PDB file of all heavy atoms in Angstrom:
ATOM      1  N   SER A   1     -20.980  -3.692 -18.776  1.00  0.00           N
ATOM      2  CA  SER A   1     -21.132  -2.986 -17.515  1.00  0.00           C
ATOM      3  C   SER A   1     -19.893  -3.078 -16.667  1.00  0.00           C
ATOM      4  O   SER A   1     -19.869  -2.327 -15.645  1.00  0.00           O
ATOM      5  CB  SER A   1     -22.333  -3.561 -16.692  1.00  0.00           C
ATOM      6  OG  SER A   1     -22.020  -4.954 -16.481  1.00  0.00           O
ATOM      7  N   ARG A   2     -18.835  -3.758 -17.094  1.00  0.00           N
ATOM      8  CA  ARG A   2     -17.607  -3.953 -16.346  1.00  0.00           C
ATOM      9  C   ARG A   2     -17.742  -4.308 -14.996  1.00  0.00           C
ATOM     10  O   ARG A   2     -17.138  -3.857 -13.913  1.00  0.00           O
ATOM     11  CB  ARG A   2     -16.839  -2.554 -16.454  1.00  0.00           C
ATOM     12  CG  ARG A   2     -16.461  -2.171 -17.695  1.00  0.00           C
ATOM     13  CD  ARG A   2     -15.638  -0.927 -17.747  1.00  0.00           C
ATOM     14  NE  ARG A   2     -15.214  -0.471 -19.059  1.00  0.00           N
ATOM     15  CZ  ARG A   2     -14.492   0.653 -19.372  1.00  0.00           C
ATOM     16  NH1 ARG A   2     -14.221   1.467 -18.336  1.00  0.00           N
ATOM     17  NH2 ARG A   2     -14.201   0.982 -20.563  1.00  0.00           N
ATOM     18  N   LEU A   3     -18.660  -5.371 -14.684  1.00  0.00           N
ATOM     19  CA  LEU A   3     -18.788  -5.847 -13.328  1.00  0.00           C
ATOM     20  C   LEU A   3     -17.557  -6.743 -13.063  1.00  0.00           C
ATOM     21  O   LEU A   3     -17.037  -7.493 -13.908  1.00  0.00           O
ATOM     22  CB  LEU A   3     -20.006  -6.693 -13.190  1.00  0.00           C
ATOM     23  CG  LEU A   3     -21.311  -5.963 -13.428  1.00  0.00           C
ATOM     24  CD1 LEU A   3     -22.585  -6.969 -13.317  1.00  0.00           C
ATOM     25  CD2 LEU A   3     -21.523  -5.051 -12.257  1.00  0.00           C
ATOM     26  N   LYS A   4     -17.074  -6.603 -11.719  1.00  0.00           N
ATOM     27  CA  LYS A   4     -15.828  -7.402 -11.400  1.00  0.00           C
ATOM     28  C   LYS A   4     -16.231  -8.722 -10.919  1.00  0.00           C
ATOM     29  O   LYS A   4     -17.281  -9.004 -10.308  1.00  0.00           O
ATOM     30  CB  LYS A   4     -15.130  -6.613 -10.214  1.00  0.00           C
ATOM     31  CG  LYS A   4     -14.597  -5.302 -10.536  1.00  0.00           C
ATOM     32  CD  LYS A   4     -13.831  -4.696  -9.426  1.00  0.00           C
ATOM     33  CE  LYS A   4     -13.335  -3.237  -9.858  1.00  0.00           C
ATOM     34  NZ  LYS A   4     -12.613  -2.702  -8.615  1.00  0.00           N
ATOM     35  N   LYS A   5     -15.289  -9.622 -11.239  1.00  0.00           N
ATOM     36  CA  LYS A   5     -15.488 -11.044 -10.825  1.00  0.00           C
ATOM     37  C   LYS A   5     -15.024 -11.217  -9.360  1.00  0.00           C
ATOM     38  O   LYS A   5     -14.563 -10.286  -8.730  1.00  0.00           O
ATOM     39  CB  LYS A   5     -14.567 -11.986 -11.668  1.00  0.00           C
ATOM     40  CG  LYS A   5     -14.895 -11.954 -13.149  1.00  0.00           C
ATOM     41  CD  LYS A   5     -14.013 -12.895 -13.846  1.00  0.00           C
ATOM     42  CE  LYS A   5     -14.388 -12.857 -15.424  1.00  0.00           C
ATOM     43  NZ  LYS A   5     -13.502 -13.756 -16.303  1.00  0.00           N
ATOM     44  N   LYS A   6     -15.371 -12.342  -8.809  1.00  0.00           N
ATOM     45  CA  LYS A   6     -15.075 -12.528  -7.308  1.00  0.00           C
ATOM     46  C   LYS A   6     -13.627 -12.444  -7.106  1.00  0.00           C
ATOM     47  O   LYS A   6     -13.151 -11.878  -6.034  1.00  0.00           O
ATOM     48  CB  LYS A   6     -15.575 -13.945  -6.961  1.00  0.00           C
ATOM     49  CG  LYS A   6     -15.449 -14.215  -5.471  1.00  0.00           C
ATOM     50  CD  LYS A   6     -16.123 -15.662  -5.165  1.00  0.00           C
ATOM     51  CE  LYS A   6     -16.042 -15.808  -3.644  1.00  0.00           C
ATOM     52  NZ  LYS A   6     -16.579 -17.185  -3.381  1.00  0.00           N
ATOM     53  N   LYS A   7     -12.719 -13.043  -7.932  1.00  0.00           N
ATOM     54  CA  LYS A   7     -11.270 -12.969  -7.754  1.00  0.00           C
ATOM     55  C   LYS A   7     -10.752 -11.555  -7.853  1.00  0.00           C
ATOM     56  O   LYS A   7      -9.877 -11.063  -7.084  1.00  0.00           O
ATOM     57  CB  LYS A   7     -10.627 -13.917  -8.760  1.00  0.00           C
ATOM     58  CG  LYS A   7      -9.134 -13.990  -8.627  1.00  0.00           C
ATOM     59  CD  LYS A   7      -8.543 -14.954  -9.577  1.00  0.00           C
ATOM     60  CE  LYS A   7      -7.076 -15.209  -9.360  1.00  0.00           C
ATOM     61  NZ  LYS A   7      -6.534 -16.159 -10.364  1.00  0.00           N
ATOM     62  N   GLN A   8     -11.383 -10.693  -8.741  1.00  0.00           N
ATOM     63  CA  GLN A   8     -10.916  -9.337  -8.917  1.00  0.00           C
ATOM     64  C   GLN A   8     -11.375  -8.466  -7.683  1.00  0.00           C
ATOM     65  O   GLN A   8     -10.605  -7.683  -7.239  1.00  0.00           O
ATOM     66  CB  GLN A   8     -11.590  -8.814 -10.180  1.00  0.00           C
ATOM     67  CG  GLN A   8     -11.007  -9.285 -11.556  1.00  0.00           C
ATOM     68  CD  GLN A   8     -11.725  -8.779 -12.722  1.00  0.00           C
ATOM     69  OE1 GLN A   8     -12.862  -8.345 -12.597  1.00  0.00           O
ATOM     70  NE2 GLN A   8     -11.097  -8.793 -13.730  1.00  0.00           N
ATOM     71  N   LYS A   9     -12.484  -8.850  -7.141  1.00  0.00           N
ATOM     72  CA  LYS A   9     -12.945  -8.119  -5.919  1.00  0.00           C
ATOM     73  C   LYS A   9     -11.974  -8.442  -4.788  1.00  0.00           C
ATOM     74  O   LYS A   9     -11.672  -7.523  -3.948  1.00  0.00           O
ATOM     75  CB  LYS A   9     -14.302  -8.494  -5.587  1.00  0.00           C
ATOM     76  CG  LYS A   9     -15.452  -8.024  -6.451  1.00  0.00           C
ATOM     77  CD  LYS A   9     -16.847  -8.453  -6.028  1.00  0.00           C
ATOM     78  CE  LYS A   9     -17.950  -7.961  -7.042  1.00  0.00           C
ATOM     79  NZ  LYS A   9     -19.147  -8.306  -6.558  1.00  0.00           N
ATOM     80  N   LYS A  10     -11.591  -9.757  -4.587  1.00  0.00           N
ATOM     81  CA  LYS A  10     -10.709 -10.101  -3.475  1.00  0.00           C
ATOM     82  C   LYS A  10      -9.363  -9.380  -3.753  1.00  0.00           C
ATOM     83  O   LYS A  10      -8.804  -8.927  -2.742  1.00  0.00           O
ATOM     84  CB  LYS A  10     -10.509 -11.598  -3.420  1.00  0.00           C
ATOM     85  CG  LYS A  10     -11.745 -12.356  -2.897  1.00  0.00           C
ATOM     86  CD  LYS A  10     -11.427 -13.750  -2.814  1.00  0.00           C
ATOM     87  CE  LYS A  10     -10.443 -14.084  -1.787  1.00  0.00           C
ATOM     88  NZ  LYS A  10     -10.176 -15.574  -1.606  1.00  0.00           N
ATOM     89  N   SER A  11      -8.876  -9.344  -4.971  1.00  0.00           N
ATOM     90  CA  SER A  11      -7.585  -8.629  -5.261  1.00  0.00           C
ATOM     91  C   SER A  11      -7.578  -7.175  -4.932  1.00  0.00           C
ATOM     92  O   SER A  11      -6.675  -6.651  -4.387  1.00  0.00           O
ATOM     93  CB  SER A  11      -7.190  -8.875  -6.684  1.00  0.00           C
ATOM     94  OG  SER A  11      -6.011  -8.263  -7.091  1.00  0.00           O
ATOM     95  N   ALA A  12      -8.707  -6.585  -5.221  1.00  0.00           N
ATOM     96  CA  ALA A  12      -8.943  -5.164  -5.060  1.00  0.00           C
ATOM     97  C   ALA A  12      -9.017  -4.896  -3.551  1.00  0.00           C
ATOM     98  O   ALA A  12      -8.442  -3.854  -3.072  1.00  0.00           O
ATOM     99  CB  ALA A  12     -10.239  -4.598  -5.699  1.00  0.00           C
ATOM    100  N   VAL A  13      -9.631  -5.700  -2.771  1.00  0.00           N
ATOM    101  CA  VAL A  13      -9.685  -5.560  -1.329  1.00  0.00           C
ATOM    102  C   VAL A  13      -8.279  -5.654  -0.699  1.00  0.00           C
ATOM    103  O   VAL A  13      -7.915  -4.828   0.200  1.00  0.00           O
ATOM    104  CB  VAL A  13     -10.664  -6.513  -0.631  1.00  0.00           C
ATOM    105  CG1 VAL A  13     -10.487  -6.529   0.838  1.00  0.00           C
ATOM    106  CG2 VAL A  13     -12.067  -6.191  -1.089  1.00  0.00           C
ATOM    107  N   LYS A  14      -7.606  -6.653  -1.189  1.00  0.00           N
ATOM    108  CA  LYS A  14      -6.208  -6.870  -0.684  1.00  0.00           C
ATOM    109  C   LYS A  14      -5.305  -5.664  -0.899  1.00  0.00           C
ATOM    110  O   LYS A  14      -4.489  -5.259  -0.136  1.00  0.00           O
ATOM    111  CB  LYS A  14      -5.628  -8.063  -1.234  1.00  0.00           C
ATOM    112  CG  LYS A  14      -4.282  -8.532  -0.687  1.00  0.00           C
ATOM    113  CD  LYS A  14      -3.744  -9.834  -1.350  1.00  0.00           C
ATOM    114  CE  LYS A  14      -2.372 -10.201  -0.770  1.00  0.00           C
ATOM    115  NZ  LYS A  14      -1.841 -11.328  -1.437  1.00  0.00           N
ATOM    116  N   LYS A  15      -5.345  -5.160  -2.178  1.00  0.00           N
ATOM    117  CA  LYS A  15      -4.525  -3.977  -2.595  1.00  0.00           C
ATOM    118  C   LYS A  15      -4.895  -2.754  -1.757  1.00  0.00           C
ATOM    119  O   LYS A  15      -3.981  -2.031  -1.239  1.00  0.00           O
ATOM    120  CB  LYS A  15      -4.703  -3.656  -4.039  1.00  0.00           C
ATOM    121  CG  LYS A  15      -4.019  -4.732  -5.073  1.00  0.00           C
ATOM    122  CD  LYS A  15      -4.123  -4.337  -6.433  1.00  0.00           C
ATOM    123  CE  LYS A  15      -3.512  -5.323  -7.390  1.00  0.00           C
ATOM    124  NZ  LYS A  15      -3.655  -4.986  -8.807  1.00  0.00           N
ATOM    125  N   ASP A  16      -6.102  -2.596  -1.518  1.00  0.00           N
ATOM    126  CA  ASP A  16      -6.405  -1.371  -0.695  1.00  0.00           C
ATOM    127  C   ASP A  16      -6.039  -1.546   0.757  1.00  0.00           C
ATOM    128  O   ASP A  16      -5.618  -0.647   1.409  1.00  0.00           O
ATOM    129  CB  ASP A  16      -8.007  -1.341  -0.759  1.00  0.00           C
ATOM    130  CG  ASP A  16      -8.643  -0.188   0.010  1.00  0.00           C
ATOM    131  OD1 ASP A  16      -8.165   0.999  -0.411  1.00  0.00           O
ATOM    132  OD2 ASP A  16      -9.259  -0.266   1.071  1.00  0.00           O
ATOM    133  N   PHE A  17      -6.049  -2.764   1.233  1.00  0.00           N
ATOM    134  CA  PHE A  17      -5.604  -3.043   2.699  1.00  0.00           C
ATOM    135  C   PHE A  17      -4.019  -2.801   2.631  1.00  0.00           C
ATOM    136  O   PHE A  17      -3.551  -2.249   3.737  1.00  0.00           O
ATOM    137  CB  PHE A  17      -5.934  -4.468   3.060  1.00  0.00           C
ATOM    138  CG  PHE A  17      -5.415  -4.891   4.317  1.00  0.00           C
ATOM    139  CD1 PHE A  17      -5.872  -4.304   5.522  1.00  0.00           C
ATOM    140  CD2 PHE A  17      -4.300  -5.804   4.430  1.00  0.00           C
ATOM    141  CE1 PHE A  17      -5.399  -4.699   6.884  1.00  0.00           C
ATOM    142  CE2 PHE A  17      -3.823  -6.112   5.682  1.00  0.00           C
ATOM    143  CZ  PHE A  17      -4.304  -5.628   6.932  1.00  0.00           C
ATOM    144  N   GLU A  18      -3.316  -3.288   1.718  1.00  0.00           N
ATOM    145  CA  GLU A  18      -1.868  -3.017   1.676  1.00  0.00           C
ATOM    146  C   GLU A  18      -1.581  -1.488   1.600  1.00  0.00           C
ATOM    147  O   GLU A  18      -0.569  -1.052   2.219  1.00  0.00           O
ATOM    148  CB  GLU A  18      -1.277  -3.805   0.534  1.00  0.00           C
ATOM    149  CG  GLU A  18      -1.305  -5.293   0.618  1.00  0.00           C
ATOM    150  CD  GLU A  18      -0.762  -6.028  -0.505  1.00  0.00           C
ATOM    151  OE1 GLU A  18      -0.413  -5.359  -1.550  1.00  0.00           O
ATOM    152  OE2 GLU A  18      -0.603  -7.240  -0.449  1.00  0.00           O
ATOM    153  N   LYS A  19      -2.413  -0.828   0.783  1.00  0.00           N
ATOM    154  CA  LYS A  19      -2.072   0.609   0.666  1.00  0.00           C
ATOM    155  C   LYS A  19      -2.312   1.310   2.057  1.00  0.00           C
ATOM    156  O   LYS A  19      -1.592   2.237   2.383  1.00  0.00           O
ATOM    157  CB  LYS A  19      -3.018   1.203  -0.354  1.00  0.00           C
ATOM    158  CG  LYS A  19      -2.630   0.882  -1.779  1.00  0.00           C
ATOM    159  CD  LYS A  19      -3.631   1.577  -2.796  1.00  0.00           C
ATOM    160  CE  LYS A  19      -3.184   1.164  -4.093  1.00  0.00           C
ATOM    161  NZ  LYS A  19      -4.157   1.781  -5.113  1.00  0.00           N
ATOM    162  N   GLN A  20      -3.302   0.827   2.751  1.00  0.00           N
ATOM    163  CA  GLN A  20      -3.718   1.450   4.111  1.00  0.00           C
ATOM    164  C   GLN A  20      -2.457   1.211   5.074  1.00  0.00           C
ATOM    165  O   GLN A  20      -2.115   2.019   5.889  1.00  0.00           O
ATOM    166  CB  GLN A  20      -4.944   0.874   4.635  1.00  0.00           C
ATOM    167  CG  GLN A  20      -6.177   1.341   3.911  1.00  0.00           C
ATOM    168  CD  GLN A  20      -7.406   0.735   4.524  1.00  0.00           C
ATOM    169  OE1 GLN A  20      -7.405   0.103   5.544  1.00  0.00           O
ATOM    170  NE2 GLN A  20      -8.549   0.960   3.844  1.00  0.00           N
ATOM    171  N   LEU A  21      -1.887  -0.091   4.935  1.00  0.00           N
ATOM    172  CA  LEU A  21      -0.741  -0.357   5.870  1.00  0.00           C
ATOM    173  C   LEU A  21       0.432   0.493   5.575  1.00  0.00           C
ATOM    174  O   LEU A  21       1.152   0.914   6.498  1.00  0.00           O
ATOM    175  CB  LEU A  21      -0.487  -1.910   5.692  1.00  0.00           C
ATOM    176  CG  LEU A  21      -1.431  -2.890   6.259  1.00  0.00           C
ATOM    177  CD1 LEU A  21      -0.843  -4.322   6.115  1.00  0.00           C
ATOM    178  CD2 LEU A  21      -1.636  -2.685   7.756  1.00  0.00           C
ATOM    179  N   ILE A  22       0.653   0.756   4.330  1.00  0.00           N
ATOM    180  CA  ILE A  22       1.846   1.554   3.881  1.00  0.00           C
ATOM    181  C   ILE A  22       1.664   2.978   4.423  1.00  0.00           C
ATOM    182  O   ILE A  22       2.559   3.616   4.887  1.00  0.00           O
ATOM    183  CB  ILE A  22       2.016   1.555   2.287  1.00  0.00           C
ATOM    184  CG1 ILE A  22       2.442   0.220   1.793  1.00  0.00           C
ATOM    185  CG2 ILE A  22       3.021   2.684   1.925  1.00  0.00           C
ATOM    186  CD1 ILE A  22       2.377   0.109   0.288  1.00  0.00           C
ATOM    187  N   GLN A  23       0.388   3.485   4.295  1.00  0.00           N
ATOM    188  CA  GLN A  23       0.151   4.788   4.803  1.00  0.00           C
ATOM    189  C   GLN A  23       0.277   4.868   6.349  1.00  0.00           C
ATOM    190  O   GLN A  23       0.808   5.782   6.879  1.00  0.00           O
ATOM    191  CB  GLN A  23      -1.282   5.281   4.404  1.00  0.00           C
ATOM    192  CG  GLN A  23      -1.558   5.517   2.901  1.00  0.00           C
ATOM    193  CD  GLN A  23      -0.602   6.538   2.409  1.00  0.00           C
ATOM    194  OE1 GLN A  23      -0.327   7.515   3.049  1.00  0.00           O
ATOM    195  NE2 GLN A  23      -0.094   6.352   1.179  1.00  0.00           N
ATOM    196  N   LEU A  24      -0.124   3.756   6.975  1.00  0.00           N
ATOM    197  CA  LEU A  24       0.022   3.774   8.481  1.00  0.00           C
ATOM    198  C   LEU A  24       1.498   3.658   8.920  1.00  0.00           C
ATOM    199  O   LEU A  24       1.881   4.319   9.795  1.00  0.00           O
ATOM    200  CB  LEU A  24      -0.710   2.433   8.959  1.00  0.00           C
ATOM    201  CG  LEU A  24      -0.818   2.202  10.487  1.00  0.00           C
ATOM    202  CD1 LEU A  24      -1.648   3.373  11.052  1.00  0.00           C
ATOM    203  CD2 LEU A  24      -1.455   0.940  10.870  1.00  0.00           C
ATOM    204  N   ASP A  25       2.301   2.950   8.152  1.00  0.00           N
ATOM    205  CA  ASP A  25       3.772   2.831   8.414  1.00  0.00           C
ATOM    206  C   ASP A  25       4.362   4.258   8.235  1.00  0.00           C
ATOM    207  O   ASP A  25       5.214   4.583   8.984  1.00  0.00           O
ATOM    208  CB  ASP A  25       4.337   1.827   7.498  1.00  0.00           C
ATOM    209  CG  ASP A  25       5.873   1.632   7.782  1.00  0.00           C
ATOM    210  OD1 ASP A  25       6.240   1.154   8.857  1.00  0.00           O
ATOM    211  OD2 ASP A  25       6.700   2.099   6.880  1.00  0.00           O
ATOM    212  N   LYS A  26       4.026   4.993   7.153  1.00  0.00           N
ATOM    213  CA  LYS A  26       4.534   6.238   6.973  1.00  0.00           C
ATOM    214  C   LYS A  26       4.165   7.252   8.088  1.00  0.00           C
ATOM    215  O   LYS A  26       4.896   8.075   8.589  1.00  0.00           O
ATOM    216  CB  LYS A  26       4.118   6.775   5.552  1.00  0.00           C
ATOM    217  CG  LYS A  26       4.765   6.097   4.382  1.00  0.00           C
ATOM    218  CD  LYS A  26       4.279   6.750   3.088  1.00  0.00           C
ATOM    219  CE  LYS A  26       4.907   6.003   1.883  1.00  0.00           C
ATOM    220  NZ  LYS A  26       4.508   6.635   0.583  1.00  0.00           N
ATOM    221  N   PHE A  27       2.910   7.139   8.493  1.00  0.00           N
ATOM    222  CA  PHE A  27       2.389   8.054   9.461  1.00  0.00           C
ATOM    223  C   PHE A  27       3.208   7.778  10.851  1.00  0.00           C
ATOM    224  O   PHE A  27       3.548   8.741  11.571  1.00  0.00           O
ATOM    225  CB  PHE A  27       0.811   7.862   9.667  1.00  0.00           C
ATOM    226  CG  PHE A  27       0.268   8.741  10.655  1.00  0.00           C
ATOM    227  CD1 PHE A  27       0.381  10.106  10.543  1.00  0.00           C
ATOM    228  CD2 PHE A  27      -0.452   8.225  11.817  1.00  0.00           C
ATOM    229  CE1 PHE A  27      -0.201  11.005  11.448  1.00  0.00           C
ATOM    230  CE2 PHE A  27      -0.962   9.086  12.668  1.00  0.00           C
ATOM    231  CZ  PHE A  27      -0.889  10.447  12.540  1.00  0.00           C
ATOM    232  N   GLU A  28       3.387   6.552  11.084  1.00  0.00           N
ATOM    233  CA  GLU A  28       4.123   6.131  12.358  1.00  0.00           C
ATOM    234  C   GLU A  28       5.548   6.674  12.233  1.00  0.00           C
ATOM    235  O   GLU A  28       6.017   7.230  13.220  1.00  0.00           O
ATOM    236  CB  GLU A  28       4.116   4.730  12.613  1.00  0.00           C
ATOM    237  CG  GLU A  28       4.691   4.379  13.964  1.00  0.00           C
ATOM    238  CD  GLU A  28       4.803   2.737  14.077  1.00  0.00           C
ATOM    239  OE1 GLU A  28       4.858   2.047  13.122  1.00  0.00           O
ATOM    240  OE2 GLU A  28       4.769   2.264  15.279  1.00  0.00           O
TER     241      GLU A  28
END
């Protein structure tokens, strides 16, 4: 079923947050 582990979930959330910061920096 490809369920993500707890560490993978935290890593995915962190990567998504970093992508949002990069987009915010470009927009500014």
